[in-house]
Structure formats: structure tokens, C-alpha cells
């Protein structure tokens, strides 16, 4: 679908190691700043246990999960918004992302240098966040300066934009990120999105931890900081996860069972990226193919159909829809139909996460 979740953070915090583990790539992950120069892109499957449940009923020849594009972006240092390190390149890469996974180092390892000499999770998290804020302040101030000169013409649209810019500047100057849900007017949201601000993007923290008291303290500090930013934290031992990811499926299963772990932490990261992007999944199911499809939450039936093929959206007539729960409860499409759970929905139907659909169209 083209949605990109960028992995960001200071140098040497585990970004490339995480990327390698999730994507099973072999991107260099060395002990020096800026090992990653150009962003590396990997396509990862989104884990979804519902596919397994559906496959038990459908027994399709092919099962295709939905995917997410994961991007490993070069490390950021203090002053990046002013061009320090790979700053300008880094920030332009972030602008292309739909969501951000912010890796923060909480682990102890004397063999891996820290760009500031010592580990401090709150300070490190704040360095990245402040650089995003500084970059947005510069963007907005330039925009404000440009339209200020045109306000004398009495243009109401520009006047409204100017007010929104000032409101966003006030938020950023207080050290907060821009929250779109603060704005109820759709036109205002559209204008703010047009600014392409970095702090508007959905973001969550990944705490790269180890089994030491110092690491636990850094994790606790990060959790407190994240609460203030209204952001989630996922705790991961990235090096261990990389080792787990390298095992074959049976060894991986045995290891997780031995450790009492339901699923690799990497799965949680992928799911969280999918979640904060505001995406839902629907399914198409048949003997030849069982497939998961990605749609933005709140998509109408024709838009969902368009995910399969543009002709489906253009010539959309109706959608045969059954919820995942009903499909499982009644043993598939036939049972769902017999029990009145298979519905015909029109153009105004809002697709729900987990819907199983068959589209009728005419072009």
C-alpha cells in the first residue's frame, strides 16, 4: 500500500540491528555513527492470527498476509535541524514517512560507544524530539513570514491559515508535538497536513534494553517521559530478538515456548506501526487464495474494493460482507449465509477491521 514506518534515533542505539531482525536483511550495523547513510527499505509481513483461523476453514492454496514498508533512517545528532551530522538529509527522509518508530538506548554495553559518552534515555529521547520540533518551527516561521505580507489583501483563507500557524507555533514552543485530534474542522486539519510537519506524524518509542539495573532505570525514565508526550513504549532486547529471528521456524517456536513468550517482540513492533498508521485489515477468501488487504480506518466499500483493483472501485455495485467472528462461528461463507450473517452492502458501507468480503462490480 506504500505506507512507510521509519526507524529513527541517535546513532548506535540499535536501529539497523532492529531493521535486520525484522526484515531478515544484512544491512551493516557497526559501532560508529552514521553507519547507515542512505535509508534502507524492507517490506515486512504484518502478523495476524486471524489468517490461521480462516485458513483452517478455507484451506486455500495460497495465503498472503498484508505488509508494511519499514525504513531504517540514518542516526540523528543534536543540531540536526541546523545541518549537524546528516541532519538535513535525515529530516528530508523523515518527511517521507507516514509513522515513526523511535529507538532509544537503555542497554549497557561498554563495547558500543554512545555519541554523548553515557546512557541517558530521557535526554536521548528529548534530543530527537527537540530536533523534530526545531525543524517544524523553522518550517512554520518561514510560512508565516511568507503569508504575513499577503494578509493585507483581506484573504480569509490566508487569515485562517495564519491563525493555525500561530496556534501550531505556540504548541511547539511549549515543547509539545502537534496533535491533529485537537482540531475538529476538517479544513483546518487539511491545511495543517499541507505544512508537512514532522511532529504531526504518529510516533512510538522502542526501548532497547538489557538485563541490568541501570537499563531498568533508563526504561522507567523513558516510560515517564513517554507518558508526558502521550506516546507508547515497547520494551525490546533487540540483540536477542535478532538471534531469535535468525532461527528456523521450529527452533524459534521451541525457544519462545521455553521462555514462556507468546510471540517475538518484533511482532508487537510491526503491529504497533500498523496500528498507529490508522490502518484496518479486511480479507478475501477462496479455494485458490486467502488474502489480507490494508485499508485506512473508515474507508468506504468502493475504496476497499479499489485496494484489490482500480476497476473494482470504478465499477463498484455491491459488496458481500461477513464479519470475521461470524465467519469463524458459522464455519465459512455458506454457514454465514444460512444464518443470515452474510450481508449485501452498498457504497456508503464503512469497512470494519476483520471483514471478509466479495465484491460485485461492472466496468
Protein backbone atom coordinates (compact mmCIF):
# COMPACT_ATOMS: atom_id res chain seq x y z
CA UNK A 1 0.00 0.00 0.00
CA UNK A 2 3.04 2.22 0.19
CA UNK A 3 2.76 3.08 3.90
CA UNK A 4 6.18 3.66 5.45
CA UNK A 5 7.19 3.41 9.09
CA UNK A 6 10.61 4.98 9.68
CA UNK A 7 13.03 3.76 12.36
CA UNK A 8 14.70 6.82 13.91
CA UNK A 9 17.01 7.58 16.83
CA UNK A 10 20.55 8.60 17.76
CA UNK A 11 23.50 6.69 16.22
CA UNK A 12 24.41 3.35 17.85
CA UNK A 13 21.05 2.73 19.56
CA UNK A 14 20.18 -0.45 17.61
CA UNK A 15 18.16 0.86 14.65
CA UNK A 16 19.94 -1.16 11.97
CA UNK A 17 20.08 -4.27 14.16
CA UNK A 18 16.31 -3.95 14.67
CA UNK A 19 15.77 -3.46 10.95
CA UNK A 20 17.88 -6.54 10.19
CA UNK A 21 15.95 -8.64 12.69
CA UNK A 22 12.52 -7.64 11.41
CA UNK A 23 13.31 -7.79 7.70
CA UNK A 24 15.91 -10.60 7.87
CA UNK A 25 18.29 -8.33 5.96
CA UNK A 26 22.04 -7.98 6.31
CA UNK A 27 22.37 -4.19 6.48
CA UNK A 28 25.66 -3.16 8.19
CA UNK A 29 25.22 -2.39 11.90
CA UNK A 30 28.61 -1.16 13.03
CA UNK A 31 29.90 0.54 16.17
CA UNK A 32 30.36 4.03 14.76
CA UNK A 33 27.99 6.93 14.00
CA UNK A 34 26.35 7.20 10.58
CA UNK A 35 26.99 3.61 9.52
CA UNK A 36 23.61 3.98 7.80
CA UNK A 37 23.80 6.79 5.23
CA UNK A 38 21.01 6.13 2.77
CA UNK A 39 17.68 4.86 4.16
CA UNK A 40 17.23 1.10 3.81
CA UNK A 41 13.73 -0.13 2.95
CA UNK A 42 12.29 -3.55 3.77
CA UNK A 43 8.82 -4.99 3.25
CA UNK A 44 7.60 -6.94 6.29
CA UNK A 45 4.57 -9.15 6.77
CA UNK A 46 2.08 -7.97 9.39
CA UNK A 47 1.44 -10.90 11.78
CA UNK A 48 -2.26 -11.72 12.01
CA UNK A 49 -3.50 -14.88 13.76
CA UNK A 50 -6.88 -14.44 12.02
CA UNK A 51 -5.30 -15.71 8.80
CA UNK A 52 -4.53 -19.03 10.52
CA UNK A 53 -8.12 -19.34 11.76
CA UNK A 54 -9.51 -18.53 8.30
CA UNK A 55 -7.14 -20.97 6.61
CA UNK A 56 -8.43 -23.82 8.78
CA UNK A 57 -11.83 -23.24 7.17
CA UNK A 58 -10.86 -22.14 3.65
CA UNK A 59 -7.82 -24.37 3.08
CA UNK A 60 -6.65 -22.05 0.29
CA UNK A 61 -3.76 -22.96 -2.00
CA UNK A 62 -2.07 -19.65 -1.18
CA UNK A 63 -2.17 -17.44 1.94
CA UNK A 64 -0.99 -13.84 1.53
CA UNK A 65 -0.66 -11.55 4.59
CA UNK A 66 -0.71 -7.78 4.38
CA UNK A 67 2.58 -5.87 4.55
CA UNK A 68 4.22 -2.72 5.87
CA UNK A 69 7.25 -0.85 4.50
CA UNK A 70 9.89 -0.41 7.20
CA UNK A 71 12.65 2.15 6.67
CA UNK A 72 16.00 2.31 8.51
CA UNK A 73 16.98 6.00 8.61
CA UNK A 74 20.44 7.41 9.43
CA UNK A 75 21.11 8.37 13.06
CA UNK A 76 20.34 11.90 14.21
CA UNK A 77 22.53 14.08 16.44
CA UNK A 78 21.91 17.27 18.37
CA UNK A 79 21.82 20.20 15.95
CA UNK A 80 20.47 18.17 13.02
CA UNK A 81 17.83 20.83 12.34
CA UNK A 82 20.77 23.19 11.72
CA UNK A 83 22.54 20.68 9.48
CA UNK A 84 24.74 18.88 12.05
CA UNK A 85 25.71 15.29 11.22
CA UNK A 86 23.48 14.07 8.42
CA UNK A 87 20.77 16.42 9.66
CA UNK A 88 19.22 17.86 6.53
CA UNK A 89 19.25 14.50 4.74
CA UNK A 90 17.81 12.80 7.84
CA UNK A 91 14.97 15.28 8.15
CA UNK A 92 14.05 15.05 4.46
CA UNK A 93 13.89 11.26 4.78
CA UNK A 94 11.59 11.55 7.80
CA UNK A 95 9.20 13.81 5.86
CA UNK A 96 8.51 10.88 3.52
CA UNK A 97 7.42 8.61 6.40
CA UNK A 98 3.82 8.01 7.45
CA UNK A 99 4.79 6.99 11.00
CA UNK A 100 7.92 6.81 13.16
CA UNK A 101 9.40 4.18 15.47
CA UNK A 102 11.84 6.00 17.79
CA UNK A 103 14.54 3.65 19.13
CA UNK A 104 16.07 4.73 22.45
CA UNK A 105 19.09 3.04 24.00
CA UNK A 106 18.54 1.75 27.52
CA UNK A 107 21.06 -1.13 27.39
CA UNK A 108 24.57 -1.28 28.85
CA UNK A 109 27.48 -2.35 26.65
CA UNK A 110 31.00 -0.93 27.07
CA UNK A 111 31.89 -2.16 23.58
CA UNK A 112 29.28 0.05 21.90
CA UNK A 113 30.05 3.74 22.12
CA UNK A 114 27.42 6.34 22.88
CA UNK A 115 27.58 9.62 20.93
CA UNK A 116 27.26 11.58 24.20
CA UNK A 117 29.51 9.30 26.25
CA UNK A 118 26.89 7.98 28.65
CA UNK A 119 23.44 6.39 28.52
CA UNK A 120 20.52 8.61 29.47
CA UNK A 121 17.23 7.54 27.88
CA UNK A 122 15.26 10.71 28.68
CA UNK A 123 17.96 13.01 27.35
CA UNK A 124 18.37 10.91 24.20
CA UNK A 125 14.64 10.82 23.52
CA UNK A 126 14.43 14.56 24.06
CA UNK A 127 17.31 15.24 21.63
CA UNK A 128 15.38 13.61 18.79
CA UNK A 129 12.06 15.19 19.75
CA UNK A 130 13.57 18.66 20.06
CA UNK A 131 15.20 18.37 16.63
CA UNK A 132 11.82 17.47 15.13
CA UNK A 133 10.28 20.45 16.94
CA UNK A 134 13.06 22.83 15.82
CA UNK A 135 12.67 21.70 12.21
CA UNK A 136 8.91 22.34 12.36
CA UNK A 137 9.38 25.74 13.99
CA UNK A 138 11.63 26.73 11.08
CA UNK A 139 9.09 25.42 8.54
CA UNK A 140 6.20 27.30 10.14
CA UNK A 141 8.07 30.56 10.68
CA UNK A 142 9.08 30.63 7.02
CA UNK A 143 5.47 30.01 6.01
CA UNK A 144 4.22 32.65 8.43
CA UNK A 145 6.64 35.22 7.06
CA UNK A 146 5.53 34.47 3.51
CA UNK A 147 1.77 34.90 4.06
CA UNK A 148 2.05 37.78 6.53
CA UNK A 149 2.72 40.10 3.58
CA UNK A 150 -0.42 38.93 1.79
CA UNK A 151 -2.81 39.34 4.73
CA UNK A 152 -3.47 42.97 3.89
CA UNK A 153 -5.46 41.80 0.84
CA UNK A 154 -8.16 40.55 3.24
CA UNK A 155 -7.92 36.93 2.07
CA UNK A 156 -9.98 34.98 4.65
CA UNK A 157 -8.36 31.66 3.78
CA UNK A 158 -4.91 33.09 4.42
CA UNK A 159 -6.14 34.66 7.64
CA UNK A 160 -7.32 31.26 8.85
CA UNK A 161 -4.03 29.66 7.82
CA UNK A 162 -2.13 32.36 9.69
CA UNK A 163 -4.17 31.65 12.84
CA UNK A 164 -3.44 27.92 12.54
CA UNK A 165 0.27 28.59 12.07
CA UNK A 166 0.36 30.73 15.21
CA UNK A 167 -1.52 28.04 17.15
CA UNK A 168 0.92 25.36 15.98
CA UNK A 169 3.90 27.58 16.83
CA UNK A 170 2.56 28.07 20.36
CA UNK A 171 2.25 24.29 20.79
CA UNK A 172 5.78 23.62 19.53
CA UNK A 173 7.31 26.43 21.59
CA UNK A 174 5.86 24.79 24.71
CA UNK A 175 7.77 21.60 23.79
CA UNK A 176 4.74 19.60 22.63
CA UNK A 177 4.02 17.84 19.34
CA UNK A 178 1.14 18.86 17.07
CA UNK A 179 -1.96 16.70 17.69
CA UNK A 180 -4.43 16.69 14.81
CA UNK A 181 -7.24 15.38 17.02
CA UNK A 182 -7.18 18.77 18.75
CA UNK A 183 -8.78 20.24 15.60
CA UNK A 184 -12.40 19.38 14.78
CA UNK A 185 -12.66 21.31 11.50
CA UNK A 186 -11.70 19.07 8.55
CA UNK A 187 -10.46 22.03 6.52
CA UNK A 188 -8.15 23.08 9.37
CA UNK A 189 -6.72 19.56 9.53
CA UNK A 190 -6.19 19.58 5.77
CA UNK A 191 -4.29 22.89 6.00
CA UNK A 192 -2.08 21.65 8.86
CA UNK A 193 -1.30 18.44 6.95
CA UNK A 194 -0.22 20.58 3.98
CA UNK A 195 2.59 22.04 6.14
CA UNK A 196 4.25 18.55 6.12
CA UNK A 197 5.27 18.85 9.75
CA UNK A 198 7.43 16.16 11.35
CA UNK A 199 5.72 16.39 14.74
CA UNK A 200 2.31 15.59 13.24
CA UNK A 201 3.42 12.06 12.36
CA UNK A 202 2.27 9.18 14.60
CA UNK A 203 5.21 8.02 16.72
CA UNK A 204 6.04 5.39 19.35
CA UNK A 205 9.19 4.50 21.32
CA UNK A 206 11.15 1.26 21.18
CA UNK A 207 13.27 0.86 24.32
CA UNK A 208 16.36 -1.23 23.53
CA UNK A 209 17.01 -2.86 26.92
CA UNK A 210 19.36 -5.30 28.66
CA UNK A 211 19.21 -7.29 31.91
CA UNK A 212 20.83 -4.74 34.23
CA UNK A 213 19.52 -2.42 36.94
CA UNK A 214 20.86 0.60 35.07
CA UNK A 215 18.94 -0.46 31.99
CA UNK A 216 15.75 -0.88 34.04
CA UNK A 217 16.18 2.62 35.46
CA UNK A 218 16.57 4.05 31.95
CA UNK A 219 13.47 2.15 30.85
CA UNK A 220 11.45 3.55 33.77
CA UNK A 221 12.67 7.06 32.98
CA UNK A 222 11.70 6.65 29.33
CA UNK A 223 8.24 5.39 30.28
CA UNK A 224 7.65 8.51 32.38
CA UNK A 225 8.88 10.77 29.59
CA UNK A 226 6.70 8.97 27.02
CA UNK A 227 3.60 9.46 29.17
CA UNK A 228 4.17 13.20 29.05
CA UNK A 229 4.43 13.02 25.26
CA UNK A 230 1.36 10.74 25.04
CA UNK A 231 3.43 8.09 23.26
CA UNK A 232 3.66 4.33 23.78
CA UNK A 233 6.82 2.41 24.68
CA UNK A 234 7.62 -1.14 23.51
CA UNK A 235 10.38 -2.85 25.50
CA UNK A 236 12.73 -4.98 23.36
CA UNK A 237 16.09 -6.71 23.75
CA UNK A 238 16.96 -6.05 20.13
CA UNK A 239 20.12 -8.19 20.05
CA UNK A 240 18.21 -11.16 21.47
CA UNK A 241 15.37 -10.60 19.00
CA UNK A 242 17.87 -10.62 16.15
CA UNK A 243 19.11 -14.02 17.35
CA UNK A 244 15.53 -15.34 17.62
CA UNK A 245 14.71 -14.07 14.14
CA UNK A 246 17.69 -15.99 12.69
CA UNK A 247 16.35 -19.36 13.95
CA UNK A 248 14.33 -21.66 11.71
CA UNK A 249 10.60 -21.79 12.45
CA UNK A 250 10.66 -24.90 14.67
CA UNK A 251 13.65 -23.71 16.74
CA UNK A 252 12.03 -20.30 17.07
CA UNK A 253 8.80 -21.89 18.30
CA UNK A 254 10.69 -24.12 20.79
CA UNK A 255 12.68 -21.17 22.15
CA UNK A 256 9.61 -19.00 22.65
CA UNK A 257 7.75 -21.84 24.41
CA UNK A 258 10.77 -22.49 26.65
CA UNK A 259 10.90 -18.82 27.64
CA UNK A 260 7.11 -18.57 28.01
CA UNK A 261 6.88 -15.91 25.31
CA UNK A 262 3.69 -15.81 23.20
CA UNK A 263 5.29 -14.08 20.22
CA UNK A 264 8.52 -12.26 19.34
CA UNK A 265 8.61 -8.62 20.40
CA UNK A 266 9.25 -7.82 16.75
CA UNK A 267 5.66 -8.81 16.00
CA UNK A 268 4.46 -6.22 18.52
CA UNK A 269 6.56 -3.56 16.81
CA UNK A 270 5.13 -4.39 13.38
CA UNK A 271 1.58 -4.42 14.75
CA UNK A 272 2.13 -1.11 16.56
CA UNK A 273 3.40 0.50 13.37
CA UNK A 274 0.31 -0.77 11.59
CA UNK A 275 -1.92 0.43 14.43
CA UNK A 276 -0.59 3.99 14.73
CA UNK A 277 -0.90 4.46 10.98
CA UNK A 278 -4.65 4.06 11.48
CA UNK A 279 -4.97 1.01 9.25
CA UNK A 280 -7.51 -1.81 9.19
CA UNK A 281 -7.40 -5.24 7.58
CA UNK A 282 -10.07 -6.97 5.52
CA UNK A 283 -9.87 -10.38 3.88
CA UNK A 284 -10.82 -12.09 0.64
CA UNK A 285 -11.17 -15.85 0.94
CA UNK A 286 -11.48 -18.60 -1.63
CA UNK A 287 -10.03 -22.02 -2.51
CA UNK A 288 -7.21 -20.52 -4.58
CA UNK A 289 -6.23 -17.61 -2.36
CA UNK A 290 -6.78 -16.29 1.16
CA UNK A 291 -5.51 -12.74 1.36
CA UNK A 292 -5.31 -9.85 3.83
CA UNK A 293 -5.72 -6.32 2.48
CA UNK A 294 -4.86 -2.97 4.08
CA UNK A 295 -7.26 -0.02 4.18
CA UNK A 296 -7.29 3.25 6.08
CA UNK A 297 -9.70 3.08 9.02
CA UNK A 298 -13.08 4.47 8.00
CA UNK A 299 -12.75 3.51 4.32
CA UNK A 300 -15.98 3.09 2.36
CA UNK A 301 -16.74 -0.10 0.43
CA UNK A 302 -15.66 1.25 -3.02
CA UNK A 303 -12.31 2.37 -1.54
CA UNK A 304 -11.77 -1.07 -0.06
CA UNK A 305 -12.61 -2.63 -3.42
CA UNK A 306 -10.08 -0.31 -5.04
CA UNK A 307 -7.34 -1.88 -2.92
CA UNK A 308 -7.78 -5.04 -4.99
CA UNK A 309 -8.07 -3.32 -8.37
CA UNK A 310 -8.97 0.18 -9.53
CA UNK A 311 -11.67 -1.35 -11.78
CA UNK A 312 -13.38 -2.72 -8.66
CA UNK A 313 -13.71 0.80 -7.26
CA UNK A 314 -14.68 2.41 -10.55
CA UNK A 315 -17.42 -0.13 -11.32
CA UNK A 316 -18.44 -0.94 -7.73
CA UNK A 317 -22.01 -2.26 -7.34
CA UNK A 318 -22.23 -4.14 -4.05
CA UNK A 319 -20.07 -5.98 -1.52
CA UNK A 320 -20.95 -9.29 0.11
CA UNK A 321 -19.63 -8.89 3.64
CA UNK A 322 -19.42 -11.08 6.74
CA UNK A 323 -17.58 -10.25 9.96
CA UNK A 324 -14.58 -12.35 10.99
CA UNK A 325 -16.36 -13.52 14.15
CA UNK A 326 -19.44 -14.72 12.24
CA UNK A 327 -17.33 -16.35 9.52
CA UNK A 328 -15.48 -18.40 12.15
CA UNK A 329 -18.59 -19.13 14.24
CA UNK A 330 -20.58 -20.48 11.30
CA UNK A 331 -17.76 -22.30 9.53
CA UNK A 332 -17.31 -20.09 6.50
CA UNK A 333 -19.32 -18.35 3.80
CA UNK A 334 -22.05 -20.98 3.37
CA UNK A 335 -22.78 -21.25 7.09
CA UNK A 336 -22.75 -17.46 7.47
CA UNK A 337 -25.24 -17.11 4.63
CA UNK A 338 -27.55 -19.79 6.03
CA UNK A 339 -27.59 -17.98 9.38
CA UNK A 340 -28.29 -14.56 7.87
CA UNK A 341 -24.83 -13.17 8.62
CA UNK A 342 -23.75 -12.56 5.01
CA UNK A 343 -24.83 -9.02 4.10
CA UNK A 344 -25.07 -7.07 0.87
CA UNK A 345 -23.57 -3.63 1.44
CA UNK A 346 -23.59 -0.56 -0.82
CA UNK A 347 -21.32 2.43 -1.47
CA UNK A 348 -21.91 4.02 1.94
CA UNK A 349 -20.82 1.00 3.96
CA UNK A 350 -17.79 1.70 6.18
CA UNK A 351 -15.49 -1.32 6.18
CA UNK A 352 -14.71 -2.81 9.59
CA UNK A 353 -11.47 -4.43 10.67
CA UNK A 354 -11.70 -8.17 10.02
CA UNK A 355 -14.46 -8.08 7.39
CA UNK A 356 -14.40 -10.89 4.82
CA UNK A 357 -15.63 -9.52 1.51
CA UNK A 358 -16.54 -10.42 -2.07
CA UNK A 359 -17.10 -7.52 -4.45
CA UNK A 360 -19.59 -7.19 -7.29
CA UNK A 361 -18.62 -4.67 -9.96
CA UNK A 362 -19.26 -3.71 -13.57
CA UNK A 363 -16.98 -1.71 -15.87
